[in-house]
N, C-alpha and C. Protein backbone atom coordinates (compact mmCIF):
# COMPACT_ATOMS: atom_id res chain seq x y z
N UNK A 1 -133.30 -20.55 51.24
CA UNK A 1 -132.30 -21.38 50.54
C UNK A 1 -130.97 -20.39 50.02
N UNK A 2 -129.99 -21.33 50.77
CA UNK A 2 -128.54 -20.48 50.57
C UNK A 2 -127.95 -21.31 48.96
N UNK A 3 -127.59 -20.50 48.15
CA UNK A 3 -127.11 -21.02 46.62
C UNK A 3 -125.64 -20.94 46.89
N UNK A 4 -125.15 -22.17 46.50
CA UNK A 4 -123.73 -22.32 46.58
C UNK A 4 -123.24 -22.27 45.15
N UNK A 5 -123.96 -23.00 44.12
CA UNK A 5 -123.45 -23.03 42.83
C UNK A 5 -124.95 -23.49 42.21
N UNK A 6 -124.81 -23.63 40.93
CA UNK A 6 -125.94 -23.96 40.16
C UNK A 6 -126.98 -24.91 40.60
N UNK A 7 -126.09 -25.97 40.88
CA UNK A 7 -127.07 -27.21 41.42
C UNK A 7 -126.91 -27.35 42.68
N UNK A 8 -126.32 -26.93 43.57
CA UNK A 8 -126.20 -27.01 45.06
C UNK A 8 -126.60 -25.98 45.99
N UNK A 9 -127.54 -26.51 46.90
CA UNK A 9 -128.34 -25.29 47.75
C UNK A 9 -128.26 -25.82 49.00
N UNK A 10 -128.03 -24.81 49.98
CA UNK A 10 -128.51 -25.46 51.45
C UNK A 10 -129.59 -24.74 51.98
N UNK A 11 -130.40 -25.66 52.89
CA UNK A 11 -131.40 -24.83 53.41
C UNK A 11 -131.21 -23.91 54.39
N UNK A 12 -132.17 -23.10 54.72
CA UNK A 12 -131.71 -21.99 55.71
C UNK A 12 -131.91 -22.70 57.27
N UNK A 13 -132.47 -23.82 57.15
CA UNK A 13 -132.81 -24.68 58.45
C UNK A 13 -131.63 -25.25 58.90
N UNK A 14 -130.63 -25.49 57.79
CA UNK A 14 -129.26 -26.28 58.46
C UNK A 14 -128.28 -25.48 58.97
N UNK A 15 -128.60 -24.26 58.82
CA UNK A 15 -127.59 -23.17 59.48
C UNK A 15 -128.19 -22.55 60.37
N UNK A 16 -127.42 -22.84 61.70
CA UNK A 16 -128.06 -22.12 62.94
C UNK A 16 -127.24 -21.11 63.39
N UNK A 17 -128.12 -19.79 63.62
CA UNK A 17 -127.35 -18.59 63.66
C UNK A 17 -127.92 -18.01 65.06
N UNK A 18 -127.03 -17.73 65.83
CA UNK A 18 -127.23 -16.94 67.30
C UNK A 18 -126.56 -15.43 67.35
N UNK A 19 -127.03 -14.73 67.98
CA UNK A 19 -126.44 -13.42 68.22
C UNK A 19 -125.86 -13.09 69.76
N UNK A 20 -124.65 -12.77 69.65
CA UNK A 20 -123.91 -12.26 71.14
C UNK A 20 -123.33 -11.17 70.77
N UNK A 21 -122.80 -10.65 72.19
CA UNK A 21 -122.32 -9.25 72.27
C UNK A 21 -120.99 -9.27 71.67
N UNK A 22 -120.65 -8.15 70.59
CA UNK A 22 -119.36 -8.17 70.13
C UNK A 22 -118.42 -7.57 71.02
N UNK A 23 -117.03 -7.86 70.65
CA UNK A 23 -116.12 -7.26 71.54
C UNK A 23 -115.50 -6.39 70.88
N UNK A 24 -114.77 -5.46 71.37
CA UNK A 24 -114.07 -4.34 70.97
C UNK A 24 -115.08 -3.02 71.20
N UNK A 25 -114.63 -1.92 70.19
CA UNK A 25 -115.29 -0.86 70.43
C UNK A 25 -116.66 -0.81 69.88
N UNK A 26 -117.68 -0.16 70.41
CA UNK A 26 -118.89 -0.23 69.84
C UNK A 26 -119.78 1.01 70.44
N UNK A 27 -118.84 1.92 71.36
CA UNK A 27 -119.79 2.95 72.07
C UNK A 27 -120.56 2.59 73.03
N UNK A 28 -121.61 3.36 73.08
CA UNK A 28 -122.68 3.20 74.27
C UNK A 28 -123.25 1.83 74.31
N UNK A 29 -123.69 1.26 73.24
CA UNK A 29 -124.42 0.07 72.80
C UNK A 29 -123.54 -1.11 73.08
N UNK A 30 -122.17 -1.22 73.38
CA UNK A 30 -121.47 -2.42 73.35
C UNK A 30 -121.98 -3.33 74.40
N UNK A 31 -122.17 -2.83 75.49
CA UNK A 31 -122.95 -4.01 76.43
C UNK A 31 -123.98 -4.09 76.76
N UNK A 32 -124.95 -3.49 75.48
CA UNK A 32 -126.34 -3.84 75.54
C UNK A 32 -126.93 -4.50 74.43
N UNK A 33 -126.37 -4.48 73.35
CA UNK A 33 -126.81 -4.96 71.91
C UNK A 33 -126.22 -5.99 71.68
N UNK A 34 -126.64 -7.43 71.23
CA UNK A 34 -126.08 -8.35 70.59
C UNK A 34 -125.87 -8.30 69.13
N UNK A 35 -124.94 -7.61 68.75
CA UNK A 35 -124.79 -7.43 67.24
C UNK A 35 -123.84 -8.56 66.65
N UNK A 36 -122.97 -9.07 67.41
CA UNK A 36 -122.04 -10.04 66.80
C UNK A 36 -123.04 -11.61 66.38
N UNK A 37 -122.30 -12.34 65.53
CA UNK A 37 -123.32 -13.47 64.76
C UNK A 37 -122.31 -14.89 64.99
N UNK A 38 -122.94 -15.79 65.71
CA UNK A 38 -122.30 -16.86 65.83
C UNK A 38 -123.08 -17.88 64.94
N UNK A 39 -122.38 -18.26 63.63
CA UNK A 39 -123.02 -19.06 62.87
C UNK A 39 -122.35 -20.60 63.01
N UNK A 40 -123.27 -21.68 62.94
CA UNK A 40 -122.80 -22.95 63.09
C UNK A 40 -123.64 -23.82 62.10
N UNK A 41 -122.79 -24.45 61.43
CA UNK A 41 -123.11 -25.40 60.23
C UNK A 41 -122.52 -26.99 60.52
N UNK A 42 -123.78 -27.85 60.62
CA UNK A 42 -122.91 -29.15 60.62
C UNK A 42 -122.72 -29.76 59.32
N UNK A 43 -121.61 -30.12 58.89
CA UNK A 43 -121.40 -30.80 57.56
C UNK A 43 -122.17 -32.14 57.34
N UNK A 44 -121.85 -32.99 58.52
CA UNK A 44 -122.22 -34.38 58.49
C UNK A 44 -123.87 -34.68 58.13
N UNK A 45 -124.30 -33.57 58.83
CA UNK A 45 -126.01 -33.59 58.52
C UNK A 45 -126.72 -32.80 57.56
N UNK A 46 -125.94 -32.12 57.01
CA UNK A 46 -126.27 -31.32 56.03
C UNK A 46 -126.71 -31.98 54.61
N UNK A 47 -127.14 -31.17 53.82
CA UNK A 47 -127.59 -31.77 52.38
C UNK A 47 -126.90 -31.70 51.52
N UNK A 48 -125.66 -31.26 51.67
CA UNK A 48 -124.39 -31.21 50.68
C UNK A 48 -124.11 -32.47 49.98
N UNK A 49 -123.76 -32.53 48.78
CA UNK A 49 -123.27 -33.95 48.00
C UNK A 49 -122.03 -34.37 48.85
N UNK A 50 -121.82 -35.81 48.71
CA UNK A 50 -120.91 -36.41 49.62
C UNK A 50 -119.34 -35.70 49.19
N UNK A 51 -119.18 -35.40 47.84
CA UNK A 51 -117.83 -34.73 47.39
C UNK A 51 -117.69 -33.52 48.33
N UNK A 52 -118.61 -32.56 48.40
CA UNK A 52 -118.20 -31.32 49.39
C UNK A 52 -117.92 -31.75 50.61
N UNK A 53 -118.85 -32.97 51.15
CA UNK A 53 -118.62 -33.23 52.65
C UNK A 53 -117.04 -33.75 52.89
N UNK A 54 -116.83 -34.67 51.89
CA UNK A 54 -115.50 -35.28 52.06
C UNK A 54 -114.59 -34.08 52.06
N UNK A 55 -114.46 -33.23 51.00
CA UNK A 55 -113.39 -32.51 51.04
C UNK A 55 -113.33 -31.25 52.17
N UNK A 56 -114.59 -31.02 52.43
CA UNK A 56 -114.77 -29.93 53.73
C UNK A 56 -114.09 -30.59 54.94
N UNK A 57 -114.31 -31.82 55.38
CA UNK A 57 -113.73 -32.49 56.40
C UNK A 57 -112.21 -32.45 56.40
N UNK A 58 -111.83 -33.01 55.26
CA UNK A 58 -110.40 -32.93 55.03
C UNK A 58 -109.41 -31.65 55.33
N UNK A 59 -110.15 -30.62 55.06
CA UNK A 59 -109.57 -29.31 55.12
C UNK A 59 -109.06 -29.06 56.70
N UNK A 60 -108.08 -28.38 56.72
CA UNK A 60 -107.25 -28.22 57.85
C UNK A 60 -107.51 -26.50 58.34
N UNK A 61 -108.65 -26.30 58.75
CA UNK A 61 -109.38 -24.99 58.95
C UNK A 61 -109.59 -24.99 60.36
N UNK A 62 -109.31 -23.81 60.93
CA UNK A 62 -109.40 -23.73 62.49
C UNK A 62 -110.97 -23.36 62.70
N UNK A 63 -111.75 -23.04 61.50
CA UNK A 63 -113.22 -22.73 61.79
C UNK A 63 -114.03 -24.11 61.79
N UNK A 64 -113.19 -25.29 61.63
CA UNK A 64 -114.07 -26.57 61.52
C UNK A 64 -113.53 -27.24 62.78
N UNK A 65 -114.57 -27.80 63.32
CA UNK A 65 -114.21 -28.65 64.82
C UNK A 65 -114.07 -30.04 64.44
N UNK A 66 -113.52 -30.84 65.35
CA UNK A 66 -113.33 -32.20 65.03
C UNK A 66 -114.60 -33.07 64.97
N UNK A 67 -115.64 -32.60 65.45
CA UNK A 67 -116.91 -33.06 65.19
C UNK A 67 -117.46 -32.80 63.62
N UNK A 68 -116.90 -32.00 63.08
CA UNK A 68 -117.53 -31.82 61.58
C UNK A 68 -118.56 -30.66 61.59
N UNK A 69 -118.20 -29.59 62.59
CA UNK A 69 -119.24 -28.53 62.66
C UNK A 69 -118.35 -27.13 62.20
N UNK A 70 -118.85 -26.46 61.31
CA UNK A 70 -118.36 -25.17 60.90
C UNK A 70 -118.84 -23.82 61.72
N UNK A 71 -118.12 -23.61 62.45
CA UNK A 71 -118.29 -22.26 63.28
C UNK A 71 -117.47 -21.10 62.86
N UNK A 72 -118.56 -19.92 62.75
CA UNK A 72 -118.08 -18.59 61.92
C UNK A 72 -118.42 -17.63 63.12
N UNK A 73 -117.55 -16.62 63.59
CA UNK A 73 -118.08 -15.72 64.12
C UNK A 73 -117.80 -14.15 63.43
N UNK A 74 -118.94 -13.60 63.29
CA UNK A 74 -118.66 -12.51 62.58
C UNK A 74 -119.17 -11.24 63.48
N UNK A 75 -118.36 -10.18 63.14
CA UNK A 75 -118.38 -9.08 64.32
C UNK A 75 -117.74 -8.01 63.54
N UNK A 76 -117.65 -7.98 62.33
CA UNK A 76 -117.04 -6.73 61.63
C UNK A 76 -117.95 -5.38 61.68
N UNK A 77 -119.12 -5.39 61.70
CA UNK A 77 -120.25 -4.71 61.59
C UNK A 77 -120.67 -4.27 62.98
N UNK A 78 -121.33 -3.14 62.81
CA UNK A 78 -122.29 -2.99 64.31
C UNK A 78 -123.53 -3.39 64.10
N UNK A 79 -124.19 -3.70 62.81
CA UNK A 79 -125.59 -4.23 62.88
C UNK A 79 -125.63 -5.73 62.65
N UNK A 80 -126.84 -6.12 63.15
CA UNK A 80 -126.87 -7.83 63.00
C UNK A 80 -127.06 -8.16 61.91
N UNK A 81 -127.75 -7.35 60.97
CA UNK A 81 -128.02 -7.70 59.71
C UNK A 81 -126.79 -7.91 58.90
N UNK A 82 -126.01 -6.96 58.75
CA UNK A 82 -124.63 -6.90 58.33
C UNK A 82 -123.94 -7.90 58.50
N UNK A 83 -123.76 -8.37 59.83
CA UNK A 83 -122.70 -9.42 60.61
C UNK A 83 -123.56 -10.89 60.02
N UNK A 84 -124.98 -10.78 59.92
CA UNK A 84 -125.46 -12.09 59.35
C UNK A 84 -125.05 -12.15 57.92
N UNK A 85 -125.20 -11.56 57.13
CA UNK A 85 -124.80 -11.52 55.73
C UNK A 85 -123.57 -11.67 55.64
N UNK A 86 -122.61 -11.02 56.39
CA UNK A 86 -121.10 -11.42 56.25
C UNK A 86 -120.73 -12.91 56.81
N UNK A 87 -121.50 -13.33 57.64
CA UNK A 87 -121.15 -14.79 58.29
C UNK A 87 -121.80 -15.90 57.02
N UNK A 88 -122.89 -15.65 56.44
CA UNK A 88 -123.42 -16.25 55.33
C UNK A 88 -122.60 -16.34 54.20
N UNK A 89 -121.89 -15.19 54.00
CA UNK A 89 -121.06 -15.10 52.65
C UNK A 89 -119.70 -15.77 53.17
N UNK A 90 -119.20 -15.90 54.03
CA UNK A 90 -117.92 -16.36 54.52
C UNK A 90 -118.15 -17.97 54.54
N UNK A 91 -119.38 -18.38 55.03
CA UNK A 91 -119.82 -19.78 54.95
C UNK A 91 -119.94 -20.33 53.33
N UNK A 92 -120.47 -19.57 52.57
CA UNK A 92 -120.37 -20.01 51.05
C UNK A 92 -119.13 -19.83 50.47
N UNK A 93 -118.31 -18.94 50.92
CA UNK A 93 -116.99 -18.93 50.51
C UNK A 93 -116.32 -20.27 50.65
N UNK A 94 -116.30 -20.56 52.04
CA UNK A 94 -115.65 -21.64 52.48
C UNK A 94 -115.98 -22.93 51.65
N UNK A 95 -117.32 -23.20 51.31
CA UNK A 95 -117.95 -24.45 50.68
C UNK A 95 -117.36 -24.31 49.17
N UNK A 96 -117.64 -23.08 48.55
CA UNK A 96 -117.03 -22.95 47.11
C UNK A 96 -115.61 -23.26 47.01
N UNK A 97 -114.93 -22.85 48.00
CA UNK A 97 -113.29 -23.08 47.99
C UNK A 97 -113.10 -24.65 47.85
N UNK A 98 -113.92 -25.33 48.41
CA UNK A 98 -113.81 -26.78 48.24
C UNK A 98 -114.09 -27.53 46.98
N UNK A 99 -115.08 -26.69 46.20
CA UNK A 99 -115.34 -27.29 44.92
C UNK A 99 -114.37 -27.22 43.90
N UNK A 100 -113.50 -26.31 43.97
CA UNK A 100 -112.30 -26.14 43.10
C UNK A 100 -111.24 -27.47 43.20
N UNK A 101 -111.10 -28.02 41.93
CA UNK A 101 -110.31 -29.02 42.22
C UNK A 101 -108.82 -28.82 41.22
N UNK A 102 -107.91 -28.35 41.72
CA UNK A 102 -106.58 -28.08 41.20
C UNK A 102 -106.13 -29.10 40.19
N UNK A 103 -105.54 -28.53 38.91
CA UNK A 103 -105.09 -29.53 37.95
C UNK A 103 -103.96 -30.22 38.57
N UNK A 104 -103.64 -31.35 38.02
CA UNK A 104 -102.81 -32.06 38.37
C UNK A 104 -101.32 -31.65 37.85
N UNK A 105 -100.23 -31.29 38.22
CA UNK A 105 -99.04 -30.79 37.69
C UNK A 105 -98.42 -32.09 36.93
N UNK A 106 -97.88 -31.91 35.68
CA UNK A 106 -97.44 -32.92 34.98
C UNK A 106 -95.91 -32.38 34.84
N UNK A 107 -95.05 -33.02 35.34
CA UNK A 107 -93.50 -32.60 35.23
C UNK A 107 -92.96 -32.48 34.07
N UNK A 108 -92.30 -31.56 33.59
CA UNK A 108 -91.82 -31.20 31.99
C UNK A 108 -90.20 -31.20 32.29
N UNK A 109 -89.63 -31.42 31.17
CA UNK A 109 -88.15 -31.05 30.84
C UNK A 109 -88.13 -30.04 29.78
N UNK A 110 -86.94 -29.31 30.13
CA UNK A 110 -86.78 -28.22 28.91
C UNK A 110 -86.47 -28.82 27.85
N UNK A 111 -86.62 -28.35 26.47
CA UNK A 111 -86.33 -28.98 25.27
C UNK A 111 -84.85 -28.59 25.09
N UNK A 112 -84.12 -29.58 24.26
CA UNK A 112 -82.89 -29.24 23.52
C UNK A 112 -82.38 -28.14 23.35
N UNK A 113 -83.14 -27.40 22.34
CA UNK A 113 -82.88 -26.08 21.95
C UNK A 113 -82.88 -25.20 23.10
N UNK A 114 -83.70 -25.18 24.14
CA UNK A 114 -83.91 -24.25 25.36
C UNK A 114 -82.44 -24.56 26.28
N UNK A 115 -82.09 -25.93 26.05
CA UNK A 115 -80.75 -25.95 26.83
C UNK A 115 -79.52 -25.41 26.20
N UNK A 116 -79.60 -25.54 25.01
CA UNK A 116 -78.61 -25.12 24.11
C UNK A 116 -78.66 -23.54 24.16
N UNK A 117 -79.75 -22.86 24.22
CA UNK A 117 -79.55 -21.32 24.08
C UNK A 117 -79.44 -20.77 25.85
N UNK A 118 -79.70 -21.66 26.79
CA UNK A 118 -79.14 -21.14 27.86
C UNK A 118 -77.75 -21.46 28.00
N UNK A 119 -77.30 -22.44 27.63
CA UNK A 119 -75.65 -22.34 27.82
C UNK A 119 -74.88 -21.36 26.86
N UNK A 120 -75.55 -21.26 25.89
CA UNK A 120 -75.03 -20.15 24.93
C UNK A 120 -74.98 -18.70 25.61
N UNK A 121 -76.13 -18.44 26.40
CA UNK A 121 -76.16 -17.22 26.86
C UNK A 121 -75.18 -17.11 28.22
N UNK A 122 -74.76 -18.18 28.75
CA UNK A 122 -74.16 -18.50 30.03
C UNK A 122 -72.51 -18.30 29.32
N UNK A 123 -72.34 -18.80 28.31
CA UNK A 123 -71.00 -18.38 27.75
C UNK A 123 -70.73 -17.01 27.30
N UNK A 124 -71.69 -16.55 26.53
CA UNK A 124 -71.71 -15.16 26.01
C UNK A 124 -71.48 -14.11 27.47
N UNK A 125 -72.20 -14.43 28.37
CA UNK A 125 -71.95 -13.79 29.58
C UNK A 125 -70.66 -13.79 30.49
N UNK A 126 -70.35 -14.94 30.30
CA UNK A 126 -68.74 -15.30 30.77
C UNK A 126 -67.81 -14.60 30.16
N UNK A 127 -67.90 -14.48 28.70
CA UNK A 127 -66.78 -13.96 27.87
C UNK A 127 -67.01 -12.37 28.09
N UNK A 128 -68.08 -11.69 28.18
CA UNK A 128 -68.07 -10.38 28.82
C UNK A 128 -67.74 -9.91 30.14
N UNK A 129 -67.79 -10.90 31.18
CA UNK A 129 -67.22 -10.74 32.30
C UNK A 129 -65.80 -11.01 32.16
N UNK A 130 -65.28 -11.96 31.41
CA UNK A 130 -63.77 -12.27 31.34
C UNK A 130 -63.13 -10.81 30.58
N UNK A 131 -63.84 -9.91 29.90
CA UNK A 131 -63.06 -8.97 29.12
C UNK A 131 -63.07 -7.83 30.14
N UNK A 132 -63.63 -7.80 31.40
CA UNK A 132 -63.43 -6.83 32.32
C UNK A 132 -62.23 -6.55 33.06
N UNK A 133 -61.41 -7.99 32.88
CA UNK A 133 -60.13 -7.83 33.55
C UNK A 133 -59.15 -6.77 33.44
N UNK A 134 -58.05 -6.95 33.85
CA UNK A 134 -56.92 -5.78 33.85
C UNK A 134 -56.40 -6.16 32.22
N UNK A 135 -55.99 -5.02 31.79
CA UNK A 135 -55.46 -5.03 30.40
C UNK A 135 -53.93 -5.17 30.70
N UNK A 136 -53.28 -6.21 29.77
CA UNK A 136 -51.88 -6.21 29.99
C UNK A 136 -51.52 -6.23 28.67
N UNK A 137 -50.10 -5.54 28.75
CA UNK A 137 -49.33 -5.37 27.43
C UNK A 137 -48.26 -6.22 27.01
């Protein structure tokens, strides 16, 4: 079981993991060992609550296909185990990012005292600048 939050978990069977050969530098093993991880997670058929599903499908993330499948490729490390853990952590982070609901912004206006203070400071600054001019006798 992969734990998302206190009351939300996903079964390991819902996450499809396959190993592929990684790109880039890897020394002698680069063409022999399949160390990169391809993780696939179908949002629609998962056991996630509807709230999570809706928010995930609304995301404009390139890792989410039009069919509602999250595809994560992890190849940062040289071992399968570390890449597998990295892919799972990234999946959990993506799902957790959806659970956070931002506060609604309530537009506010500055108080009368704040407006007066600002105008007084502007006048004072203007006076300082006007005193910098040429001195006439």
